[in-house]
Amino acid sequence: MNLLAMLMASLALSIILITLSFWLPQLYPDTEKLSPYECGFDPLGDARLPFSIRFFLVAILFLLFDLEIALLLPLPWATNLSNPSETMTLAATILILLTLGLIYEWTQGGLEWAE
């Protein structure tokens, strides 16, 4: 009975929130919201300019180090396993490889914005 009540309450709350989301937004947006630039300024140049390859390099590095955090997140729980030294060795290997890669990119000048 308790599970059925929770399911019915969550279903009712979901239906109420979905219904409100259709009624509450402004249906007639003004001209600023309809413009491609919502900041209010007129565009000064072409919007199709290519990005620098350095922008993509920094984005890839950010994703790489973000994924590194996701790989190391279960590390505190993994130290309670029967062989925590193996876990710590693998985690240290990942960190050392990423640090060496970052140092290599830094020394090659791949992280410099201005030339």
N, C-alpha and C. Protein backbone atom coordinates (compact mmCIF):
# COMPACT_ATOMS: atom_id res chain seq x y z
N MET A 1 0.83 -1.20 0.00
CA MET A 1 0.00 0.00 0.00
C MET A 1 0.87 1.26 0.00
N ASN A 2 1.96 1.22 0.73
CA ASN A 2 2.82 2.38 0.82
C ASN A 2 3.50 2.66 -0.53
N LEU A 3 3.92 1.62 -1.23
CA LEU A 3 4.52 1.79 -2.54
C LEU A 3 3.52 2.36 -3.54
N LEU A 4 2.30 1.89 -3.48
CA LEU A 4 1.25 2.39 -4.38
C LEU A 4 0.97 3.86 -4.10
N ALA A 5 0.96 4.24 -2.83
CA ALA A 5 0.72 5.65 -2.49
C ALA A 5 1.85 6.54 -3.00
N MET A 6 3.09 6.06 -2.89
CA MET A 6 4.24 6.84 -3.38
C MET A 6 4.19 6.98 -4.91
N LEU A 7 3.83 5.90 -5.60
CA LEU A 7 3.72 5.97 -7.06
C LEU A 7 2.61 6.93 -7.49
N MET A 8 1.49 6.88 -6.80
CA MET A 8 0.38 7.78 -7.15
C MET A 8 0.75 9.23 -6.85
N ALA A 9 1.44 9.47 -5.74
CA ALA A 9 1.85 10.84 -5.40
C ALA A 9 2.86 11.37 -6.43
N SER A 10 3.81 10.55 -6.82
CA SER A 10 4.80 11.00 -7.80
C SER A 10 4.16 11.22 -9.18
N LEU A 11 3.20 10.37 -9.54
CA LEU A 11 2.50 10.55 -10.80
C LEU A 11 1.67 11.83 -10.79
N ALA A 12 0.98 12.08 -9.68
CA ALA A 12 0.18 13.31 -9.58
C ALA A 12 1.06 14.55 -9.62
N LEU A 13 2.19 14.51 -8.89
CA LEU A 13 3.10 15.65 -8.90
C LEU A 13 3.69 15.88 -10.29
N SER A 14 4.02 14.82 -10.99
CA SER A 14 4.56 14.94 -12.34
C SER A 14 3.54 15.56 -13.29
N ILE A 15 2.30 15.12 -13.20
CA ILE A 15 1.25 15.66 -14.08
C ILE A 15 1.01 17.13 -13.77
N ILE A 16 1.01 17.50 -12.50
CA ILE A 16 0.81 18.91 -12.12
C ILE A 16 1.95 19.77 -12.65
N LEU A 17 3.19 19.32 -12.50
CA LEU A 17 4.34 20.11 -12.97
C LEU A 17 4.37 20.22 -14.49
N ILE A 18 4.03 19.16 -15.19
CA ILE A 18 3.99 19.23 -16.66
C ILE A 18 2.91 20.19 -17.12
N THR A 19 1.75 20.14 -16.48
CA THR A 19 0.66 21.04 -16.83
C THR A 19 1.04 22.49 -16.57
N LEU A 20 1.68 22.76 -15.43
CA LEU A 20 2.10 24.12 -15.12
C LEU A 20 3.17 24.62 -16.09
N SER A 21 4.02 23.74 -16.55
CA SER A 21 5.07 24.18 -17.46
C SER A 21 4.50 24.60 -18.82
N PHE A 22 3.34 24.12 -19.18
CA PHE A 22 2.71 24.56 -20.42
C PHE A 22 1.92 25.85 -20.24
N TRP A 23 1.43 26.13 -19.04
CA TRP A 23 0.62 27.31 -18.81
C TRP A 23 1.44 28.53 -18.41
N LEU A 24 2.55 28.33 -17.72
CA LEU A 24 3.28 29.46 -17.16
C LEU A 24 4.16 30.25 -18.13
N PRO A 25 4.75 29.66 -19.15
CA PRO A 25 5.66 30.47 -19.96
C PRO A 25 4.92 31.53 -20.77
N GLN A 26 5.66 32.58 -21.09
CA GLN A 26 5.10 33.66 -21.88
C GLN A 26 4.90 33.17 -23.32
N LEU A 27 3.69 33.25 -23.82
CA LEU A 27 3.39 32.71 -25.14
C LEU A 27 3.72 33.68 -26.26
N TYR A 28 3.85 34.97 -25.95
CA TYR A 28 4.13 35.97 -26.97
C TYR A 28 5.45 36.65 -26.64
N PRO A 29 6.56 36.09 -27.07
CA PRO A 29 7.85 36.69 -26.75
C PRO A 29 8.04 38.02 -27.50
N ASP A 30 8.82 38.90 -26.89
CA ASP A 30 9.07 40.20 -27.52
C ASP A 30 10.13 40.07 -28.62
N THR A 31 10.44 41.17 -29.27
CA THR A 31 11.35 41.12 -30.41
C THR A 31 12.77 40.78 -29.99
N GLU A 32 13.16 41.15 -28.76
CA GLU A 32 14.52 40.82 -28.31
C GLU A 32 14.70 39.32 -28.15
N LYS A 33 13.67 38.63 -27.69
CA LYS A 33 13.76 37.19 -27.54
C LYS A 33 13.74 36.48 -28.89
N LEU A 34 13.14 37.09 -29.88
CA LEU A 34 13.08 36.49 -31.20
C LEU A 34 14.34 36.74 -32.02
N SER A 35 15.18 37.69 -31.58
CA SER A 35 16.41 37.97 -32.31
C SER A 35 17.44 36.87 -32.03
N PRO A 36 18.37 36.64 -32.95
CA PRO A 36 19.36 35.58 -32.72
C PRO A 36 20.31 35.90 -31.58
N TYR A 37 20.48 37.17 -31.25
CA TYR A 37 21.34 37.57 -30.14
C TYR A 37 20.47 38.18 -29.06
N GLU A 38 20.30 37.48 -27.95
CA GLU A 38 19.40 37.94 -26.91
C GLU A 38 20.00 39.04 -26.05
N CYS A 39 21.27 39.37 -26.25
CA CYS A 39 21.90 40.38 -25.40
C CYS A 39 21.43 41.79 -25.75
N GLY A 40 20.82 41.99 -26.90
CA GLY A 40 20.33 43.31 -27.27
C GLY A 40 21.23 44.05 -28.22
N PHE A 41 22.46 43.57 -28.43
CA PHE A 41 23.38 44.22 -29.33
C PHE A 41 23.22 43.67 -30.74
N ASP A 42 23.39 44.53 -31.72
CA ASP A 42 23.38 44.07 -33.10
C ASP A 42 24.70 43.37 -33.39
N PRO A 43 24.66 42.31 -34.17
CA PRO A 43 25.92 41.62 -34.49
C PRO A 43 26.82 42.51 -35.35
N LEU A 44 28.12 42.50 -35.05
CA LEU A 44 29.06 43.37 -35.76
C LEU A 44 29.78 42.67 -36.89
N GLY A 45 29.87 41.36 -36.83
CA GLY A 45 30.60 40.63 -37.86
C GLY A 45 29.85 39.39 -38.27
N ASP A 46 30.56 38.54 -38.99
CA ASP A 46 29.97 37.30 -39.45
C ASP A 46 29.91 36.31 -38.30
N ALA A 47 28.80 35.63 -38.15
CA ALA A 47 28.64 34.65 -37.07
C ALA A 47 29.25 33.30 -37.44
N ARG A 48 29.73 33.15 -38.64
CA ARG A 48 30.25 31.87 -39.11
C ARG A 48 31.78 31.83 -39.13
N LEU A 49 32.43 32.63 -38.29
CA LEU A 49 33.89 32.61 -38.26
C LEU A 49 34.37 31.29 -37.65
N PRO A 50 35.40 30.70 -38.20
CA PRO A 50 35.89 29.43 -37.65
C PRO A 50 36.59 29.65 -36.31
N PHE A 51 36.48 28.66 -35.43
CA PHE A 51 37.17 28.71 -34.15
C PHE A 51 38.63 28.34 -34.35
N SER A 52 39.45 28.84 -33.47
CA SER A 52 40.85 28.47 -33.48
C SER A 52 40.99 27.03 -33.00
N ILE A 53 41.99 26.34 -33.52
CA ILE A 53 42.22 24.96 -33.12
C ILE A 53 42.64 24.91 -31.65
N ARG A 54 43.18 25.98 -31.13
CA ARG A 54 43.57 26.03 -29.71
C ARG A 54 42.35 25.95 -28.80
N PHE A 55 41.23 26.50 -29.24
CA PHE A 55 40.01 26.39 -28.46
C PHE A 55 39.61 24.93 -28.30
N PHE A 56 39.70 24.17 -29.38
CA PHE A 56 39.35 22.77 -29.31
C PHE A 56 40.34 21.97 -28.47
N LEU A 57 41.62 22.35 -28.51
CA LEU A 57 42.63 21.68 -27.69
C LEU A 57 42.34 21.88 -26.21
N VAL A 58 42.01 23.09 -25.82
CA VAL A 58 41.70 23.35 -24.42
C VAL A 58 40.41 22.63 -24.02
N ALA A 59 39.44 22.57 -24.91
CA ALA A 59 38.20 21.86 -24.62
C ALA A 59 38.46 20.36 -24.43
N ILE A 60 39.31 19.79 -25.27
CA ILE A 60 39.63 18.36 -25.14
C ILE A 60 40.39 18.10 -23.85
N LEU A 61 41.31 19.00 -23.50
CA LEU A 61 42.04 18.84 -22.24
C LEU A 61 41.10 18.93 -21.04
N PHE A 62 40.14 19.84 -21.12
CA PHE A 62 39.16 19.94 -20.03
C PHE A 62 38.38 18.64 -19.90
N LEU A 63 37.92 18.10 -21.02
CA LEU A 63 37.18 16.84 -20.97
C LEU A 63 38.04 15.70 -20.45
N LEU A 64 39.29 15.68 -20.84
CA LEU A 64 40.20 14.63 -20.39
C LEU A 64 40.37 14.67 -18.88
N PHE A 65 40.60 15.85 -18.32
CA PHE A 65 40.79 15.95 -16.88
C PHE A 65 39.48 15.80 -16.13
N ASP A 66 38.38 16.13 -16.77
CA ASP A 66 37.08 15.89 -16.15
C ASP A 66 36.81 14.39 -16.06
N LEU A 67 37.15 13.66 -17.10
CA LEU A 67 37.00 12.20 -17.06
C LEU A 67 37.96 11.56 -16.07
N GLU A 68 39.11 12.18 -15.89
CA GLU A 68 40.07 11.66 -14.91
C GLU A 68 39.46 11.71 -13.51
N ILE A 69 38.76 12.76 -13.21
CA ILE A 69 38.10 12.87 -11.90
C ILE A 69 37.04 11.78 -11.76
N ALA A 70 36.33 11.51 -12.84
CA ALA A 70 35.32 10.44 -12.78
C ALA A 70 35.96 9.07 -12.58
N LEU A 71 37.16 8.88 -13.13
CA LEU A 71 37.85 7.61 -12.93
C LEU A 71 38.37 7.46 -11.50
N LEU A 72 38.77 8.57 -10.90
CA LEU A 72 39.34 8.51 -9.56
C LEU A 72 38.30 8.65 -8.45
N LEU A 73 37.05 8.90 -8.82
CA LEU A 73 36.01 9.08 -7.81
C LEU A 73 35.80 7.86 -6.91
N PRO A 74 35.80 6.63 -7.44
CA PRO A 74 35.61 5.48 -6.55
C PRO A 74 36.87 5.08 -5.78
N LEU A 75 37.93 5.84 -5.86
CA LEU A 75 39.18 5.47 -5.20
C LEU A 75 39.06 5.32 -3.68
N PRO A 76 38.39 6.21 -2.95
CA PRO A 76 38.30 6.01 -1.50
C PRO A 76 37.60 4.70 -1.12
N TRP A 77 36.62 4.30 -1.89
CA TRP A 77 35.93 3.04 -1.58
C TRP A 77 36.78 1.84 -2.01
N ALA A 78 37.58 2.02 -3.04
CA ALA A 78 38.41 0.91 -3.52
C ALA A 78 39.56 0.61 -2.58
N THR A 79 39.92 1.55 -1.72
CA THR A 79 41.01 1.27 -0.77
C THR A 79 40.58 0.28 0.30
N ASN A 80 39.31 0.01 0.43
CA ASN A 80 38.83 -0.97 1.40
C ASN A 80 38.81 -2.38 0.83
N LEU A 81 39.27 -2.57 -0.39
CA LEU A 81 39.30 -3.89 -0.99
C LEU A 81 40.42 -4.73 -0.37
N SER A 82 40.48 -5.98 -0.79
CA SER A 82 41.47 -6.88 -0.20
C SER A 82 42.89 -6.50 -0.61
N ASN A 83 43.07 -5.87 -1.78
CA ASN A 83 44.40 -5.51 -2.25
C ASN A 83 44.41 -4.02 -2.61
N PRO A 84 44.49 -3.12 -1.63
CA PRO A 84 44.42 -1.69 -1.94
C PRO A 84 45.69 -1.16 -2.61
N SER A 85 46.80 -1.86 -2.49
CA SER A 85 48.03 -1.36 -3.12
C SER A 85 47.93 -1.41 -4.64
N GLU A 86 47.25 -2.41 -5.17
CA GLU A 86 47.05 -2.48 -6.62
C GLU A 86 46.18 -1.32 -7.11
N THR A 87 45.15 -1.01 -6.34
CA THR A 87 44.27 0.11 -6.70
C THR A 87 45.04 1.42 -6.66
N MET A 88 45.83 1.62 -5.64
CA MET A 88 46.61 2.86 -5.53
C MET A 88 47.66 2.95 -6.64
N THR A 89 48.23 1.82 -7.04
CA THR A 89 49.21 1.81 -8.12
C THR A 89 48.56 2.21 -9.45
N LEU A 90 47.38 1.66 -9.72
CA LEU A 90 46.68 2.01 -10.95
C LEU A 90 46.26 3.48 -10.97
N ALA A 91 45.78 3.98 -9.83
CA ALA A 91 45.38 5.38 -9.74
C ALA A 91 46.60 6.30 -9.93
N ALA A 92 47.72 5.93 -9.31
CA ALA A 92 48.94 6.73 -9.46
C ALA A 92 49.43 6.70 -10.91
N THR A 93 49.29 5.56 -11.58
CA THR A 93 49.69 5.46 -12.97
C THR A 93 48.86 6.39 -13.86
N ILE A 94 47.57 6.42 -13.61
CA ILE A 94 46.70 7.32 -14.38
C ILE A 94 47.11 8.77 -14.15
N LEU A 95 47.33 9.15 -12.90
CA LEU A 95 47.70 10.53 -12.61
C LEU A 95 49.06 10.89 -13.20
N ILE A 96 50.01 9.98 -13.14
CA ILE A 96 51.34 10.25 -13.69
C ILE A 96 51.27 10.41 -15.21
N LEU A 97 50.52 9.55 -15.89
CA LEU A 97 50.39 9.67 -17.35
C LEU A 97 49.73 10.98 -17.75
N LEU A 98 48.68 11.37 -17.05
CA LEU A 98 48.01 12.63 -17.37
C LEU A 98 48.89 13.83 -17.06
N THR A 99 49.65 13.76 -15.99
CA THR A 99 50.55 14.86 -15.64
C THR A 99 51.67 14.98 -16.67
N LEU A 100 52.23 13.85 -17.10
CA LEU A 100 53.26 13.91 -18.13
C LEU A 100 52.71 14.45 -19.45
N GLY A 101 51.50 14.07 -19.81
CA GLY A 101 50.87 14.61 -21.01
C GLY A 101 50.65 16.10 -20.93
N LEU A 102 50.22 16.58 -19.75
CA LEU A 102 50.01 18.01 -19.57
C LEU A 102 51.33 18.77 -19.64
N ILE A 103 52.37 18.23 -19.03
CA ILE A 103 53.69 18.87 -19.09
C ILE A 103 54.20 18.93 -20.52
N TYR A 104 53.98 17.85 -21.28
CA TYR A 104 54.40 17.83 -22.68
C TYR A 104 53.68 18.90 -23.49
N GLU A 105 52.36 19.00 -23.32
CA GLU A 105 51.60 20.03 -24.04
C GLU A 105 52.06 21.43 -23.64
N TRP A 106 52.34 21.61 -22.37
CA TRP A 106 52.77 22.91 -21.87
C TRP A 106 54.13 23.30 -22.47
N THR A 107 55.08 22.35 -22.50
CA THR A 107 56.40 22.67 -23.03
C THR A 107 56.38 22.86 -24.54
N GLN A 108 55.46 22.21 -25.23
CA GLN A 108 55.36 22.38 -26.68
C GLN A 108 54.64 23.67 -27.06
N GLY A 109 54.05 24.36 -26.09
CA GLY A 109 53.35 25.62 -26.36
C GLY A 109 51.94 25.42 -26.83
N GLY A 110 51.37 24.26 -26.61
CA GLY A 110 50.01 24.00 -27.06
C GLY A 110 48.94 24.70 -26.24
N LEU A 111 49.30 25.18 -25.08
CA LEU A 111 48.32 25.85 -24.22
C LEU A 111 48.41 27.37 -24.29
N GLU A 112 49.27 27.90 -25.15
CA GLU A 112 49.42 29.34 -25.28
C GLU A 112 48.35 29.89 -26.21
N TRP A 113 47.64 30.92 -25.75
CA TRP A 113 46.60 31.53 -26.58
C TRP A 113 47.21 32.50 -27.58
N ALA A 114 48.13 33.34 -27.11
CA ALA A 114 48.74 34.34 -28.00
C ALA A 114 50.05 33.78 -28.54
N GLU A 115 50.35 34.19 -29.75
CA GLU A 115 51.58 33.69 -30.37
C GLU A 115 52.64 34.74 -30.37
